[in-house]
N, C-alpha and C. Protein backbone atom coordinates (compact mmCIF):
# COMPACT_ATOMS: atom_id res chain seq x y z
N MET A 1 -50.75 118.25 -45.51
CA MET A 1 -51.57 118.83 -44.45
C MET A 1 -51.55 120.35 -44.60
N ARG A 2 -52.70 120.96 -44.45
CA ARG A 2 -52.79 122.42 -44.51
C ARG A 2 -53.35 122.93 -43.19
N ILE A 3 -52.66 123.92 -42.62
CA ILE A 3 -53.02 124.50 -41.33
C ILE A 3 -53.34 125.98 -41.54
N GLY A 4 -54.51 126.41 -41.08
CA GLY A 4 -54.87 127.83 -41.10
C GLY A 4 -54.43 128.47 -39.79
N VAL A 5 -53.93 129.70 -39.86
CA VAL A 5 -53.38 130.36 -38.68
C VAL A 5 -53.92 131.78 -38.54
N VAL A 6 -54.42 132.09 -37.34
CA VAL A 6 -54.85 133.45 -36.99
C VAL A 6 -54.27 133.81 -35.63
N SER A 7 -54.27 135.09 -35.35
CA SER A 7 -53.82 135.58 -34.05
C SER A 7 -54.41 136.96 -33.80
N ASP A 8 -54.38 137.36 -32.54
CA ASP A 8 -54.71 138.72 -32.15
C ASP A 8 -56.03 139.21 -32.73
N THR A 9 -57.08 138.41 -32.54
CA THR A 9 -58.40 138.80 -33.03
C THR A 9 -59.06 139.84 -32.13
N HIS A 10 -58.73 139.84 -30.84
CA HIS A 10 -59.23 140.86 -29.90
C HIS A 10 -60.74 141.04 -29.98
N LEU A 11 -61.47 139.94 -29.96
CA LEU A 11 -62.93 140.00 -30.03
C LEU A 11 -63.54 139.81 -28.64
N HIS A 12 -64.52 140.63 -28.32
CA HIS A 12 -65.19 140.54 -27.03
C HIS A 12 -66.47 139.70 -27.10
N CYS A 13 -66.89 139.35 -28.32
CA CYS A 13 -68.11 138.57 -28.49
C CYS A 13 -68.10 137.91 -29.86
N ASP A 14 -69.10 137.11 -30.12
CA ASP A 14 -69.26 136.48 -31.43
C ASP A 14 -69.28 137.59 -32.49
N ASP A 15 -68.69 137.33 -33.63
CA ASP A 15 -68.58 138.34 -34.68
C ASP A 15 -68.87 137.70 -36.03
N ASP A 16 -69.92 138.15 -36.69
CA ASP A 16 -70.32 137.57 -37.98
C ASP A 16 -69.23 137.68 -39.03
N GLY A 17 -68.53 138.80 -39.06
CA GLY A 17 -67.47 139.00 -40.04
C GLY A 17 -66.34 138.00 -39.86
N PHE A 18 -65.94 137.80 -38.61
CA PHE A 18 -64.87 136.83 -38.34
C PHE A 18 -65.34 135.41 -38.61
N ARG A 19 -66.58 135.11 -38.23
CA ARG A 19 -67.13 133.78 -38.49
C ARG A 19 -67.13 133.49 -40.01
N MET A 20 -67.51 134.48 -40.82
CA MET A 20 -67.52 134.31 -42.27
C MET A 20 -66.10 134.12 -42.80
N LEU A 21 -65.14 134.86 -42.23
CA LEU A 21 -63.75 134.72 -42.64
C LEU A 21 -63.26 133.30 -42.37
N ILE A 22 -63.58 132.75 -41.20
CA ILE A 22 -63.20 131.38 -40.85
C ILE A 22 -63.83 130.39 -41.82
N GLU A 23 -65.12 130.55 -42.07
CA GLU A 23 -65.83 129.61 -42.94
C GLU A 23 -65.34 129.70 -44.39
N ASP A 24 -65.02 130.89 -44.84
CA ASP A 24 -64.61 131.08 -46.23
C ASP A 24 -63.13 130.78 -46.45
N ARG A 25 -62.27 131.49 -45.76
CA ARG A 25 -60.83 131.40 -46.02
C ARG A 25 -60.20 130.11 -45.50
N PHE A 26 -60.80 129.51 -44.47
CA PHE A 26 -60.21 128.31 -43.88
C PHE A 26 -61.02 127.05 -44.19
N ALA A 27 -61.88 127.12 -45.18
CA ALA A 27 -62.62 125.92 -45.61
C ALA A 27 -61.60 124.89 -46.09
N GLY A 28 -61.72 123.70 -45.61
CA GLY A 28 -60.86 122.62 -46.07
C GLY A 28 -59.52 122.48 -45.37
N VAL A 29 -59.17 123.36 -44.42
CA VAL A 29 -57.92 123.16 -43.70
C VAL A 29 -58.05 121.96 -42.77
N ASP A 30 -56.92 121.32 -42.51
CA ASP A 30 -56.90 120.15 -41.63
C ASP A 30 -56.89 120.55 -40.16
N LEU A 31 -56.38 121.73 -39.87
CA LEU A 31 -56.22 122.21 -38.50
C LEU A 31 -56.23 123.73 -38.53
N LEU A 32 -56.78 124.32 -37.48
CA LEU A 32 -56.79 125.77 -37.34
C LEU A 32 -56.04 126.12 -36.06
N LEU A 33 -55.13 127.09 -36.15
CA LEU A 33 -54.37 127.56 -34.99
C LEU A 33 -54.75 128.99 -34.66
N HIS A 34 -54.87 129.29 -33.36
CA HIS A 34 -55.04 130.67 -32.91
C HIS A 34 -53.91 130.96 -31.92
N ALA A 35 -53.08 131.94 -32.24
CA ALA A 35 -51.89 132.24 -31.46
C ALA A 35 -52.12 133.28 -30.37
N GLY A 36 -53.30 133.31 -29.79
CA GLY A 36 -53.55 134.12 -28.61
C GLY A 36 -54.11 135.50 -28.86
N ASP A 37 -54.55 136.10 -27.76
CA ASP A 37 -55.30 137.35 -27.74
C ASP A 37 -56.63 137.20 -28.48
N LEU A 38 -57.32 136.11 -28.13
CA LEU A 38 -58.70 135.92 -28.57
C LEU A 38 -59.55 136.96 -27.86
N VAL A 39 -59.25 137.20 -26.60
CA VAL A 39 -59.90 138.03 -25.60
C VAL A 39 -61.08 137.30 -24.96
N SER A 40 -62.05 136.87 -25.75
CA SER A 40 -63.24 136.20 -25.22
C SER A 40 -63.30 134.75 -25.68
N PRO A 41 -63.82 133.86 -24.84
CA PRO A 41 -63.99 132.47 -25.27
C PRO A 41 -65.00 132.31 -26.40
N ALA A 42 -65.76 133.35 -26.72
CA ALA A 42 -66.71 133.29 -27.84
C ALA A 42 -65.99 133.00 -29.15
N VAL A 43 -64.71 133.37 -29.25
CA VAL A 43 -63.94 133.10 -30.47
C VAL A 43 -63.82 131.59 -30.67
N LEU A 44 -63.61 130.85 -29.60
CA LEU A 44 -63.49 129.39 -29.71
C LEU A 44 -64.79 128.77 -30.20
N GLU A 45 -65.91 129.36 -29.83
CA GLU A 45 -67.21 128.85 -30.29
C GLU A 45 -67.34 128.97 -31.80
N MET A 46 -66.66 129.95 -32.39
CA MET A 46 -66.70 130.12 -33.85
C MET A 46 -65.89 129.05 -34.57
N PHE A 47 -65.06 128.30 -33.83
CA PHE A 47 -64.27 127.21 -34.40
C PHE A 47 -64.99 125.87 -34.29
N ALA A 48 -66.21 125.87 -33.78
CA ALA A 48 -66.97 124.64 -33.54
C ALA A 48 -67.00 123.77 -34.80
N GLY A 49 -66.79 122.48 -34.62
CA GLY A 49 -66.82 121.55 -35.73
C GLY A 49 -65.50 121.45 -36.48
N ARG A 50 -64.51 122.23 -36.07
CA ARG A 50 -63.20 122.21 -36.71
C ARG A 50 -62.16 121.74 -35.69
N GLU A 51 -61.14 121.07 -36.19
CA GLU A 51 -60.03 120.73 -35.31
C GLU A 51 -59.18 121.99 -35.13
N TYR A 52 -58.90 122.33 -33.89
CA TYR A 52 -58.10 123.53 -33.64
C TYR A 52 -57.22 123.37 -32.41
N LYS A 53 -56.20 124.22 -32.35
CA LYS A 53 -55.35 124.38 -31.18
C LYS A 53 -55.24 125.87 -30.95
N ALA A 54 -55.28 126.27 -29.69
CA ALA A 54 -55.20 127.70 -29.36
C ALA A 54 -54.46 127.88 -28.05
N VAL A 55 -53.81 129.03 -27.92
CA VAL A 55 -53.13 129.40 -26.68
C VAL A 55 -53.65 130.76 -26.23
N CYS A 56 -53.45 131.05 -24.96
CA CYS A 56 -53.89 132.35 -24.45
C CYS A 56 -52.79 133.39 -24.67
N GLY A 57 -53.21 134.64 -24.70
CA GLY A 57 -52.29 135.76 -24.86
C GLY A 57 -52.42 136.73 -23.70
N ASN A 58 -51.63 137.78 -23.74
CA ASN A 58 -51.57 138.73 -22.63
C ASN A 58 -52.85 139.56 -22.46
N MET A 59 -53.68 139.66 -23.49
CA MET A 59 -54.90 140.46 -23.39
C MET A 59 -56.16 139.62 -23.14
N ASP A 60 -56.00 138.31 -23.00
CA ASP A 60 -57.15 137.42 -22.86
C ASP A 60 -57.80 137.54 -21.48
N PHE A 61 -59.14 137.43 -21.48
CA PHE A 61 -59.90 137.40 -20.24
C PHE A 61 -59.49 136.18 -19.42
N ASP A 62 -59.70 136.23 -18.12
CA ASP A 62 -59.42 135.08 -17.25
C ASP A 62 -60.18 133.84 -17.72
N SER A 63 -61.38 134.03 -18.27
CA SER A 63 -62.16 132.88 -18.75
C SER A 63 -61.44 132.15 -19.88
N VAL A 64 -60.61 132.84 -20.64
CA VAL A 64 -59.81 132.21 -21.69
C VAL A 64 -58.58 131.56 -21.07
N ARG A 65 -57.94 132.27 -20.15
CA ARG A 65 -56.72 131.75 -19.50
C ARG A 65 -56.99 130.46 -18.72
N GLN A 66 -58.22 130.30 -18.25
CA GLN A 66 -58.57 129.10 -17.49
C GLN A 66 -58.71 127.87 -18.37
N VAL A 67 -58.96 128.05 -19.66
CA VAL A 67 -59.17 126.90 -20.54
C VAL A 67 -58.05 126.68 -21.57
N LEU A 68 -57.19 127.68 -21.80
CA LEU A 68 -56.13 127.54 -22.79
C LEU A 68 -54.75 127.62 -22.15
N PRO A 69 -53.82 126.82 -22.62
CA PRO A 69 -52.45 126.90 -22.10
C PRO A 69 -51.72 128.11 -22.69
N GLU A 70 -50.56 128.41 -22.13
CA GLU A 70 -49.73 129.50 -22.66
C GLU A 70 -48.93 129.06 -23.88
N ARG A 71 -48.68 127.74 -23.98
CA ARG A 71 -47.92 127.23 -25.12
C ARG A 71 -48.29 125.78 -25.38
N ILE A 72 -48.15 125.39 -26.62
CA ILE A 72 -48.40 124.01 -27.05
C ILE A 72 -47.27 123.63 -28.00
N VAL A 73 -46.78 122.41 -27.87
CA VAL A 73 -45.85 121.84 -28.86
C VAL A 73 -46.54 120.59 -29.39
N PHE A 74 -46.61 120.49 -30.72
CA PHE A 74 -47.29 119.34 -31.33
C PHE A 74 -46.57 118.90 -32.59
N GLN A 75 -46.90 117.72 -33.03
CA GLN A 75 -46.32 117.13 -34.23
C GLN A 75 -47.28 117.31 -35.40
N ALA A 76 -46.76 117.73 -36.54
CA ALA A 76 -47.52 117.82 -37.79
C ALA A 76 -46.66 117.17 -38.86
N GLY A 77 -47.05 115.98 -39.28
CA GLY A 77 -46.17 115.21 -40.17
C GLY A 77 -44.90 114.88 -39.41
N ARG A 78 -43.77 115.18 -40.00
CA ARG A 78 -42.51 114.91 -39.31
C ARG A 78 -41.95 116.14 -38.59
N PHE A 79 -42.76 117.19 -38.52
CA PHE A 79 -42.29 118.46 -37.97
C PHE A 79 -42.86 118.73 -36.57
N ARG A 80 -42.02 119.27 -35.71
CA ARG A 80 -42.46 119.71 -34.38
C ARG A 80 -42.71 121.21 -34.44
N ILE A 81 -43.94 121.58 -34.06
CA ILE A 81 -44.38 122.98 -34.14
C ILE A 81 -44.72 123.47 -32.74
N GLY A 82 -44.25 124.66 -32.42
CA GLY A 82 -44.61 125.32 -31.17
C GLY A 82 -45.61 126.42 -31.45
N LEU A 83 -46.62 126.51 -30.58
CA LEU A 83 -47.64 127.56 -30.69
C LEU A 83 -47.62 128.34 -29.38
N VAL A 84 -47.41 129.65 -29.48
CA VAL A 84 -47.30 130.52 -28.31
C VAL A 84 -47.72 131.92 -28.75
N HIS A 85 -48.17 132.73 -27.78
CA HIS A 85 -48.54 134.09 -28.16
C HIS A 85 -47.32 135.00 -28.29
N GLY A 86 -46.51 135.04 -27.27
CA GLY A 86 -45.36 135.93 -27.23
C GLY A 86 -45.55 136.98 -26.15
N TRP A 87 -44.49 137.72 -25.85
CA TRP A 87 -44.53 138.71 -24.78
C TRP A 87 -43.39 139.72 -24.98
N GLY A 88 -43.52 140.84 -24.31
CA GLY A 88 -42.50 141.88 -24.40
C GLY A 88 -42.58 142.64 -25.71
N GLY A 89 -41.59 143.48 -25.93
CA GLY A 89 -41.54 144.27 -27.15
C GLY A 89 -41.18 143.42 -28.36
N PRO A 90 -41.42 143.95 -29.55
CA PRO A 90 -41.15 143.18 -30.76
C PRO A 90 -39.66 142.90 -30.98
N GLU A 91 -38.82 143.78 -30.50
CA GLU A 91 -37.38 143.59 -30.66
C GLU A 91 -36.93 142.38 -29.83
N GLY A 92 -36.36 141.40 -30.49
CA GLY A 92 -35.84 140.23 -29.81
C GLY A 92 -36.87 139.16 -29.48
N ILE A 93 -38.11 139.29 -29.97
CA ILE A 93 -39.15 138.34 -29.62
C ILE A 93 -38.82 136.93 -30.10
N GLN A 94 -38.25 136.79 -31.28
CA GLN A 94 -37.94 135.46 -31.78
C GLN A 94 -36.91 134.75 -30.92
N GLY A 95 -35.92 135.46 -30.45
CA GLY A 95 -34.94 134.87 -29.55
C GLY A 95 -35.56 134.43 -28.24
N ARG A 96 -36.46 135.24 -27.69
CA ARG A 96 -37.15 134.87 -26.44
C ARG A 96 -38.00 133.62 -26.65
N LEU A 97 -38.69 133.55 -27.78
CA LEU A 97 -39.53 132.38 -28.07
C LEU A 97 -38.68 131.13 -28.22
N LEU A 98 -37.59 131.22 -28.92
CA LEU A 98 -36.70 130.08 -29.11
C LEU A 98 -36.13 129.62 -27.77
N ASP A 99 -35.72 130.55 -26.93
CA ASP A 99 -35.20 130.20 -25.60
C ASP A 99 -36.26 129.49 -24.76
N ALA A 100 -37.51 129.94 -24.85
CA ALA A 100 -38.59 129.37 -24.03
C ALA A 100 -39.05 128.01 -24.54
N LEU A 101 -39.08 127.83 -25.86
CA LEU A 101 -39.64 126.60 -26.43
C LEU A 101 -38.60 125.56 -26.80
N GLY A 102 -37.36 125.98 -26.96
CA GLY A 102 -36.33 125.04 -27.36
C GLY A 102 -36.35 124.82 -28.86
N PRO A 103 -35.49 123.93 -29.33
CA PRO A 103 -35.38 123.71 -30.78
C PRO A 103 -36.63 123.03 -31.35
N LEU A 104 -37.21 123.68 -32.33
CA LEU A 104 -38.39 123.17 -33.04
C LEU A 104 -38.20 123.42 -34.52
N ASP A 105 -39.07 122.85 -35.34
CA ASP A 105 -39.01 123.13 -36.77
C ASP A 105 -39.72 124.44 -37.12
N CYS A 106 -40.75 124.79 -36.33
CA CYS A 106 -41.53 125.99 -36.60
C CYS A 106 -42.08 126.53 -35.29
N ILE A 107 -42.04 127.83 -35.13
CA ILE A 107 -42.67 128.50 -33.99
C ILE A 107 -43.72 129.46 -34.54
N VAL A 108 -44.97 129.20 -34.18
CA VAL A 108 -46.09 130.05 -34.56
C VAL A 108 -46.38 130.96 -33.38
N TYR A 109 -46.43 132.26 -33.64
CA TYR A 109 -46.66 133.22 -32.56
C TYR A 109 -47.49 134.39 -33.06
N GLY A 110 -47.86 135.25 -32.14
CA GLY A 110 -48.63 136.45 -32.45
C GLY A 110 -48.01 137.64 -31.75
N HIS A 111 -48.82 138.37 -31.00
CA HIS A 111 -48.43 139.46 -30.12
C HIS A 111 -48.06 140.76 -30.84
N THR A 112 -47.25 140.70 -31.88
CA THR A 112 -46.77 141.94 -32.51
C THR A 112 -47.76 142.51 -33.52
N HIS A 113 -48.70 141.72 -33.99
CA HIS A 113 -49.67 142.09 -35.03
C HIS A 113 -49.00 142.29 -36.39
N VAL A 114 -47.72 142.01 -36.48
CA VAL A 114 -46.96 142.17 -37.72
C VAL A 114 -46.65 140.80 -38.30
N PRO A 115 -47.07 140.53 -39.54
CA PRO A 115 -46.82 139.23 -40.13
C PRO A 115 -45.32 138.94 -40.27
N GLU A 116 -44.98 137.67 -40.09
CA GLU A 116 -43.58 137.23 -40.23
C GLU A 116 -43.59 135.81 -40.77
N ASN A 117 -42.74 135.55 -41.73
CA ASN A 117 -42.63 134.23 -42.34
C ASN A 117 -41.17 134.08 -42.76
N ARG A 118 -40.33 133.75 -41.76
CA ARG A 118 -38.89 133.78 -42.01
C ARG A 118 -38.18 132.67 -41.25
N ARG A 119 -37.20 132.07 -41.90
CA ARG A 119 -36.37 131.07 -41.24
C ARG A 119 -35.19 131.75 -40.56
N ARG A 120 -34.91 131.25 -39.37
CA ARG A 120 -33.76 131.76 -38.62
C ARG A 120 -33.17 130.57 -37.87
N ASP A 121 -31.91 130.31 -38.09
CA ASP A 121 -31.22 129.20 -37.43
C ASP A 121 -31.99 127.89 -37.61
N GLY A 122 -32.53 127.66 -38.82
CA GLY A 122 -33.22 126.42 -39.14
C GLY A 122 -34.65 126.33 -38.64
N VAL A 123 -35.15 127.38 -38.00
CA VAL A 123 -36.51 127.39 -37.46
C VAL A 123 -37.36 128.36 -38.30
N LEU A 124 -38.56 127.92 -38.70
CA LEU A 124 -39.49 128.82 -39.37
C LEU A 124 -40.26 129.59 -38.30
N PHE A 125 -40.06 130.89 -38.25
CA PHE A 125 -40.83 131.77 -37.35
C PHE A 125 -42.01 132.29 -38.15
N PHE A 126 -43.21 131.99 -37.65
CA PHE A 126 -44.42 132.32 -38.42
C PHE A 126 -45.42 133.06 -37.55
N ASN A 127 -45.68 134.30 -37.92
CA ASN A 127 -46.67 135.13 -37.26
C ASN A 127 -47.67 135.55 -38.34
N PRO A 128 -48.96 135.17 -38.19
CA PRO A 128 -49.93 135.50 -39.24
C PRO A 128 -50.34 136.97 -39.25
N GLY A 129 -49.83 137.76 -38.30
CA GLY A 129 -50.34 139.13 -38.14
C GLY A 129 -51.70 139.06 -37.48
N SER A 130 -52.54 140.04 -37.71
CA SER A 130 -53.87 140.05 -37.12
C SER A 130 -54.92 140.19 -38.21
N ALA A 131 -55.93 139.34 -38.13
CA ALA A 131 -57.02 139.38 -39.11
C ALA A 131 -57.93 140.58 -38.89
N LEU A 132 -57.93 141.15 -37.68
CA LEU A 132 -58.90 142.20 -37.35
C LEU A 132 -58.32 143.48 -36.76
N ASP A 133 -57.08 143.45 -36.27
CA ASP A 133 -56.52 144.59 -35.54
C ASP A 133 -55.07 144.78 -35.99
N ARG A 134 -54.89 145.46 -37.12
CA ARG A 134 -53.57 145.49 -37.75
C ARG A 134 -52.55 146.35 -37.04
N ARG A 135 -52.95 147.29 -36.25
CA ARG A 135 -52.03 148.22 -35.56
C ARG A 135 -50.97 148.74 -36.51
N GLY A 136 -49.70 148.38 -36.35
CA GLY A 136 -48.63 148.92 -37.19
C GLY A 136 -48.43 148.20 -38.51
N ALA A 137 -49.18 147.15 -38.77
CA ALA A 137 -49.00 146.40 -40.02
C ALA A 137 -49.70 147.10 -41.18
N ALA A 138 -49.28 146.79 -42.39
CA ALA A 138 -49.85 147.42 -43.58
C ALA A 138 -51.27 146.96 -43.87
N ALA A 139 -51.62 145.73 -43.44
CA ALA A 139 -52.95 145.19 -43.73
C ALA A 139 -53.31 144.15 -42.68
N ASN A 140 -54.59 143.83 -42.59
CA ASN A 140 -55.02 142.70 -41.77
C ASN A 140 -54.67 141.44 -42.55
N THR A 141 -54.16 140.44 -41.85
CA THR A 141 -53.65 139.25 -42.53
C THR A 141 -53.99 137.97 -41.77
N ILE A 142 -53.94 136.86 -42.51
CA ILE A 142 -54.06 135.50 -41.97
C ILE A 142 -52.93 134.68 -42.56
N GLY A 143 -52.76 133.45 -42.07
CA GLY A 143 -51.68 132.64 -42.58
C GLY A 143 -52.06 131.19 -42.80
N PHE A 144 -51.21 130.52 -43.56
CA PHE A 144 -51.33 129.09 -43.80
C PHE A 144 -49.96 128.45 -43.68
N LEU A 145 -49.93 127.28 -43.07
CA LEU A 145 -48.75 126.44 -43.07
C LEU A 145 -49.07 125.20 -43.90
N ASP A 146 -48.24 124.89 -44.86
CA ASP A 146 -48.40 123.69 -45.67
C ASP A 146 -47.30 122.72 -45.29
N ILE A 147 -47.74 121.52 -44.87
CA ILE A 147 -46.83 120.50 -44.37
C ILE A 147 -46.74 119.38 -45.40
N GLY A 148 -45.54 119.11 -45.86
CA GLY A 148 -45.28 118.01 -46.79
C GLY A 148 -43.87 117.53 -46.50
N ASP A 149 -43.03 117.50 -47.54
CA ASP A 149 -41.62 117.16 -47.34
C ASP A 149 -40.90 118.27 -46.57
N GLU A 150 -41.46 119.45 -46.66
CA GLU A 150 -40.97 120.60 -45.89
C GLU A 150 -42.16 121.35 -45.33
N ILE A 151 -41.88 122.33 -44.51
CA ILE A 151 -42.96 123.16 -43.95
C ILE A 151 -42.81 124.55 -44.57
N ARG A 152 -43.91 125.03 -45.17
CA ARG A 152 -43.90 126.33 -45.84
C ARG A 152 -45.01 127.20 -45.31
N GLY A 153 -44.73 128.46 -45.14
CA GLY A 153 -45.74 129.41 -44.67
C GLY A 153 -46.14 130.36 -45.76
N THR A 154 -47.40 130.81 -45.69
CA THR A 154 -47.95 131.80 -46.60
C THR A 154 -48.78 132.78 -45.78
N ILE A 155 -48.62 134.05 -46.04
CA ILE A 155 -49.42 135.09 -45.37
C ILE A 155 -50.21 135.82 -46.45
N LEU A 156 -51.53 135.95 -46.17
CA LEU A 156 -52.42 136.60 -47.13
C LEU A 156 -53.19 137.73 -46.48
N PRO A 157 -53.44 138.82 -47.24
CA PRO A 157 -54.30 139.87 -46.70
C PRO A 157 -55.74 139.37 -46.61
N VAL A 158 -56.47 139.91 -45.67
CA VAL A 158 -57.88 139.53 -45.50
C VAL A 158 -58.72 140.29 -46.51
């Protein structure tokens, strides 16, 4: 199973560039995840025809908060994955996420705009960074999770 992952798109309306990125880079993925801060529900419309899961973030409009949960836990193969945006400063965010979600195989999050693909205490912490708003990161990035006998993450520049 291959999962495409984005976060922190911060889009206020439909965007041709982002739509092309979804169609090109995520062609053939089994599932698409958005880890919050979509801002507008128009982002979800760009996922039409694809299986996806998304959570709301701290910058999302009320119209997004009304339709998306703050967190999702789901099964992918034999792995339990948590999807959440995140909150607070970047320092200690992984500990806060683990405390809030409990023991999982992988926690997918956003909020910091900084890509992360690291195991800690047996949990894969995976942040795809931001495809459109890099802030302090070196580049705009997206991610993939590959699910087989193990769960592996990959982060790629846009």
